[in-house]
Amino acid sequence: MSRETPAKTLLVATVLSVVCSIALAAAVTLLKPVQQVNKELDKQRKILAAAGLLPGGKGSSDEVRQKFAGLEHYVVDLDSGDFRRLGEGEHFDMRKATRDPQRSMALSTAQDIAKLKRRANEADIYLLREPDGRVKELILPVSGYGLWSTMHGYLVLKGDGNTVVGITFTEHAETPGLGGEIDNPRWQAQWPGKQVYGHDFSRPLFELKTGGVDAEKPEAVHQVDALSGATLTGHGVTHMMQFWLGELGYSRFLEKVRKGEV
């Protein structure tokens, strides 16, 4: 005669569920530090590749860490353009600052072309210098809303504060094969050499051009081909660039760079 009862079955299922939950929670807790290290390493790899310091993003973990350590880390006051270098071991979390009302500003509808809602008062950037101390490249965090998500990435400019070296995206949830093509190296390969400002540097002119860039037109130097079938993601990238290169972004700091004050 079977000794199985509904109560025993329920007890076994409950015990198994509890054991599995504990095991899963333990695995997540133990693996989280490893995941964080790998996430940071992947970010560094993408930044170095966009800056032309790690061709193809290929290199060992040690090589990535060594090259990244060669960059200078600064915090920039976005309202004044003033800056300070972060000391060894000093950390700045721009996203955390964005959520803190004491360290950020709410954006009006007119200001918020990138659909960010808030902007941190400060941003942490990276610099690469020439042997003589002149700024060679600037690595600037940028973000803006696309179709489904806030896109986070880094724009790399030459020391003239105007010419694009590269672009990389470290986080987004845009549609694979459409807006997700912002990660495609072939599309990103259009960016180097583009100019984000005009001759007077009065406002950012960069945009993604629907229908393709006409190389014969003078404005082509400020344009990259839009993503086919991803109109809203493309608009998001354009607005992201125009926001962060405008008055509420890095414009005052970049002016100091062009004057040789950095």
Protein backbone atom coordinates (compact mmCIF):
# COMPACT_ATOMS: atom_id res chain seq x y z
CA MET A 1 0.00 0.00 0.00
CA SER A 2 1.45 3.38 -1.02
CA ARG A 3 2.53 5.67 1.80
CA GLU A 4 2.44 8.75 -0.44
CA THR A 5 -0.01 11.42 0.65
CA PRO A 6 -0.70 14.93 -0.67
CA ALA A 7 0.84 16.36 2.51
CA LYS A 8 4.11 14.45 2.01
CA THR A 9 4.27 15.47 -1.65
CA LEU A 10 3.75 19.10 -0.70
CA LEU A 11 6.43 18.86 2.00
CA VAL A 12 9.01 17.39 -0.41
CA ALA A 13 8.23 20.03 -3.04
CA THR A 14 8.54 22.80 -0.43
CA VAL A 15 11.88 21.50 0.86
CA LEU A 16 13.25 21.19 -2.67
CA SER A 17 12.09 24.71 -3.51
CA VAL A 18 13.75 26.14 -0.42
CA VAL A 19 17.01 24.28 -1.08
CA CYS A 20 17.07 25.39 -4.73
CA SER A 21 16.30 29.00 -3.74
CA ILE A 22 19.14 29.02 -1.22
CA ALA A 23 21.54 27.51 -3.75
CA LEU A 24 20.52 30.04 -6.41
CA ALA A 25 20.85 32.98 -4.02
CA ALA A 26 24.28 31.77 -2.92
CA ALA A 27 25.43 31.39 -6.54
CA VAL A 28 24.24 34.90 -7.43
CA THR A 29 25.95 36.38 -4.37
CA LEU A 30 29.22 34.57 -5.03
CA LEU A 31 29.27 35.32 -8.75
CA LYS A 32 28.28 38.99 -8.50
CA PRO A 33 31.83 40.28 -7.86
CA VAL A 34 33.12 38.27 -10.83
CA GLN A 35 30.33 39.61 -13.03
CA GLN A 36 31.13 43.18 -11.97
CA VAL A 37 34.81 42.71 -12.80
CA ASN A 38 33.96 41.28 -16.22
CA LYS A 39 31.46 44.09 -16.91
CA GLU A 40 34.06 46.73 -16.07
CA LEU A 41 36.67 44.95 -18.19
CA ASP A 42 34.26 44.83 -21.15
CA LYS A 43 33.59 48.57 -20.77
CA GLN A 44 37.30 49.32 -20.72
CA ARG A 45 37.87 47.13 -23.77
CA LYS A 46 35.17 48.99 -25.74
CA ILE A 47 36.50 52.40 -24.72
CA LEU A 48 40.05 51.50 -25.73
CA ALA A 49 38.84 50.13 -29.06
CA ALA A 50 36.86 53.33 -29.78
CA ALA A 51 39.95 55.37 -28.92
CA GLY A 52 42.05 53.35 -31.35
CA LEU A 53 44.18 51.97 -28.54
CA LEU A 54 43.00 48.38 -28.87
CA PRO A 55 42.36 47.57 -32.55
CA GLY A 56 39.35 45.32 -32.97
CA GLY A 57 38.91 45.25 -29.21
CA LYS A 58 41.35 42.34 -29.09
CA GLY A 59 43.73 41.94 -26.20
CA SER A 60 44.26 40.04 -22.98
CA SER A 61 42.73 41.21 -19.71
CA ASP A 62 46.15 42.34 -18.50
CA GLU A 63 46.73 44.32 -21.70
CA VAL A 64 43.35 46.02 -21.36
CA ARG A 65 43.99 46.96 -17.74
CA GLN A 66 47.48 48.23 -18.52
CA LYS A 67 46.35 50.42 -21.42
CA PHE A 68 43.36 51.73 -19.51
CA ALA A 69 45.60 52.67 -16.59
CA GLY A 70 47.44 54.98 -19.01
CA LEU A 71 44.36 57.22 -19.27
CA GLU A 72 43.90 60.19 -16.96
CA HIS A 73 40.57 60.29 -15.10
CA TYR A 74 38.88 63.64 -14.46
CA VAL A 75 35.62 65.01 -13.09
CA VAL A 76 34.18 67.94 -15.04
CA ASP A 77 31.71 70.53 -13.74
CA LEU A 78 29.28 70.71 -16.64
CA ASP A 79 28.02 74.20 -15.78
CA SER A 80 31.41 75.90 -15.55
CA GLY A 81 33.69 73.61 -17.52
CA ASP A 82 36.06 73.42 -14.52
CA PHE A 83 37.72 70.09 -13.88
CA ARG A 84 39.75 68.14 -11.35
CA ARG A 85 41.75 64.97 -11.65
CA LEU A 86 40.61 61.94 -9.67
CA GLY A 87 43.23 60.55 -7.32
CA GLU A 88 44.31 56.92 -7.25
CA GLY A 89 41.52 54.80 -5.82
CA GLU A 90 39.03 57.71 -5.97
CA HIS A 91 35.71 56.79 -7.55
CA PHE A 92 32.93 58.83 -9.14
CA ASP A 93 29.56 57.31 -10.04
CA MET A 94 27.86 59.57 -12.59
CA ARG A 95 24.63 57.57 -12.64
CA LYS A 96 24.36 57.72 -8.86
CA ALA A 97 24.96 61.47 -9.01
CA THR A 98 22.19 61.79 -11.62
CA ARG A 99 19.68 60.25 -9.20
CA ASP A 100 20.72 62.57 -6.34
CA PRO A 101 18.73 65.86 -6.38
CA GLN A 102 21.62 67.56 -4.57
CA ARG A 103 24.10 66.56 -7.28
CA SER A 104 21.94 66.90 -10.39
CA MET A 105 19.38 69.07 -12.11
CA ALA A 106 15.91 68.32 -13.43
CA LEU A 107 15.61 69.00 -17.14
CA SER A 108 12.69 70.90 -18.62
CA THR A 109 10.91 69.54 -21.68
CA ALA A 110 12.74 72.06 -23.87
CA GLN A 111 16.11 71.13 -22.41
CA ASP A 112 15.59 67.38 -22.36
CA ILE A 113 16.08 66.57 -26.04
CA ALA A 114 17.86 63.32 -25.06
CA LYS A 115 14.96 62.28 -22.76
CA LEU A 116 17.11 61.84 -19.67
CA LYS A 117 14.84 63.66 -17.16
CA ARG A 118 17.88 64.58 -15.01
CA ARG A 119 21.50 65.51 -15.66
CA ALA A 120 24.31 65.15 -13.15
CA ASN A 121 26.12 68.36 -12.25
CA GLU A 122 29.43 66.61 -12.96
CA ALA A 123 30.67 63.98 -15.38
CA ASP A 124 33.73 61.77 -15.22
CA ILE A 125 35.82 61.70 -18.37
CA TYR A 126 39.13 60.24 -19.52
CA LEU A 127 42.04 61.95 -21.26
CA LEU A 128 44.92 60.60 -23.28
CA ARG A 129 47.89 62.96 -23.58
CA GLU A 130 50.73 63.36 -26.01
CA PRO A 131 54.27 62.92 -24.61
CA ASP A 132 54.55 66.73 -24.41
CA GLY A 133 51.42 66.95 -22.24
CA ARG A 134 48.97 68.18 -24.88
CA VAL A 135 45.57 66.52 -24.95
CA LYS A 136 45.52 63.87 -27.65
CA GLU A 137 42.06 62.37 -27.10
CA LEU A 138 39.03 62.94 -24.88
CA ILE A 139 36.73 60.11 -23.85
CA LEU A 140 33.32 61.47 -22.87
CA PRO A 141 30.36 59.51 -21.45
CA VAL A 142 27.13 60.14 -23.36
CA SER A 143 23.58 58.85 -22.97
CA GLY A 144 20.17 59.32 -24.49
CA TYR A 145 16.89 57.50 -24.99
CA GLY A 146 16.35 55.47 -28.15
CA LEU A 147 13.29 53.41 -28.99
CA TRP A 148 13.21 51.08 -25.99
CA SER A 149 16.01 52.12 -23.69
CA THR A 150 18.49 54.68 -22.48
CA MET A 151 21.64 54.16 -24.52
CA HIS A 152 24.89 54.60 -22.61
CA GLY A 153 28.22 54.96 -24.36
CA TYR A 154 31.42 56.94 -24.86
CA LEU A 155 32.28 59.45 -27.55
CA VAL A 156 35.99 59.84 -28.30
CA LEU A 157 37.19 63.17 -29.69
CA LYS A 158 40.61 64.36 -30.77
CA GLY A 159 42.39 66.99 -28.72
CA ASP A 160 40.85 69.69 -30.93
CA GLY A 161 37.55 69.04 -29.14
CA ASN A 162 35.80 68.64 -32.47
CA THR A 163 36.98 65.67 -34.54
CA VAL A 164 35.51 62.26 -33.78
CA VAL A 165 37.91 59.38 -33.14
CA GLY A 166 35.23 56.81 -32.40
CA ILE A 167 32.00 55.89 -30.63
CA THR A 168 31.09 52.91 -28.49
CA PHE A 169 27.96 51.84 -26.63
CA THR A 170 28.33 50.00 -23.35
CA GLU A 171 24.66 49.47 -22.54
CA HIS A 172 21.33 49.59 -24.39
CA ALA A 173 18.25 47.47 -25.14
CA GLU A 174 17.53 48.53 -28.72
CA THR A 175 16.04 46.04 -31.19
CA PRO A 176 18.60 43.49 -32.46
CA GLY A 177 19.18 43.89 -36.19
CA LEU A 178 17.61 47.36 -36.22
CA GLY A 179 18.44 49.89 -33.51
CA GLY A 180 20.85 47.35 -32.08
CA GLU A 181 23.06 48.05 -35.10
CA ILE A 182 24.59 50.91 -33.12
CA ASP A 183 26.98 48.18 -31.95
CA ASN A 184 27.89 47.17 -35.51
CA PRO A 185 31.58 47.96 -36.19
CA ARG A 186 30.76 48.70 -39.85
CA TRP A 187 28.31 51.43 -38.84
CA GLN A 188 30.63 52.79 -36.15
CA ALA A 189 33.43 52.93 -38.77
CA GLN A 190 31.64 55.92 -40.36
CA TRP A 191 32.24 58.09 -37.31
CA PRO A 192 36.03 58.70 -37.27
CA GLY A 193 36.94 62.00 -38.87
CA LYS A 194 33.49 63.56 -38.53
CA GLN A 195 33.27 67.09 -37.07
CA VAL A 196 30.76 67.67 -34.29
CA TYR A 197 30.84 71.49 -34.52
CA GLY A 198 31.06 74.11 -37.24
CA HIS A 199 33.87 76.64 -37.57
CA ASP A 200 32.49 78.94 -34.85
CA PHE A 201 31.77 76.13 -32.35
CA SER A 202 28.49 77.87 -31.48
CA ARG A 203 26.39 74.70 -31.45
CA PRO A 204 26.72 71.00 -32.28
CA LEU A 205 25.90 70.13 -35.87
CA PHE A 206 26.37 66.37 -35.78
CA GLU A 207 23.41 64.22 -36.86
CA LEU A 208 22.41 60.86 -38.26
CA LYS A 209 21.20 61.51 -41.81
CA THR A 210 18.09 59.69 -43.01
CA GLY A 211 18.45 58.56 -46.61
CA GLY A 212 22.23 58.48 -46.45
CA VAL A 213 25.00 61.06 -46.39
CA ASP A 214 25.74 62.93 -49.61
CA ALA A 215 29.53 63.20 -49.59
CA GLU A 216 29.37 66.08 -52.09
CA LYS A 217 27.56 68.39 -49.67
CA PRO A 218 29.52 70.45 -47.13
CA GLU A 219 27.36 69.28 -44.23
CA ALA A 220 28.48 65.68 -44.85
CA VAL A 221 31.41 66.24 -42.50
CA HIS A 222 28.87 66.45 -39.65
CA GLN A 223 26.75 63.47 -40.71
CA VAL A 224 26.62 59.68 -40.40
CA ASP A 225 24.18 57.40 -42.23
CA ALA A 226 21.03 56.74 -40.20
CA LEU A 227 20.19 53.18 -39.21
CA SER A 228 17.84 51.50 -41.69
CA GLY A 229 14.49 50.67 -40.09
CA ALA A 230 15.43 52.26 -36.77
CA THR A 231 14.23 55.84 -37.08
CA LEU A 232 13.60 56.44 -33.37
CA THR A 233 16.95 54.96 -32.33
CA GLY A 234 18.64 57.18 -34.91
CA HIS A 235 16.85 60.25 -33.60
CA GLY A 236 17.91 59.22 -30.11
CA VAL A 237 21.58 59.08 -31.13
CA THR A 238 21.35 62.50 -32.82
CA HIS A 239 19.67 64.07 -29.79
CA MET A 240 22.14 62.39 -27.45
CA MET A 241 25.05 63.92 -29.34
CA GLN A 242 23.48 67.36 -29.57
CA PHE A 243 22.62 67.37 -25.86
CA TRP A 244 26.03 66.32 -24.56
CA LEU A 245 27.93 68.59 -26.94
CA GLY A 246 25.64 71.53 -26.21
CA GLU A 247 25.34 74.11 -23.42
CA LEU A 248 24.10 71.57 -20.88
CA GLY A 249 26.87 69.13 -21.75
CA TYR A 250 30.58 69.43 -22.42
CA SER A 251 30.67 72.64 -24.47
CA ARG A 252 32.31 74.79 -21.77
CA PHE A 253 34.89 72.14 -20.97
CA LEU A 254 35.68 71.58 -24.66
CA GLU A 255 36.20 75.32 -25.04
CA LYS A 256 38.88 75.10 -22.34
CA VAL A 257 40.43 72.17 -24.19
CA ARG A 258 40.61 74.14 -27.43
CA LYS A 259 42.25 77.03 -25.55
CA GLY A 260 44.92 74.67 -24.17
CA GLU A 261 43.76 75.11 -20.57
CA VAL A 262 43.40 71.40 -19.83
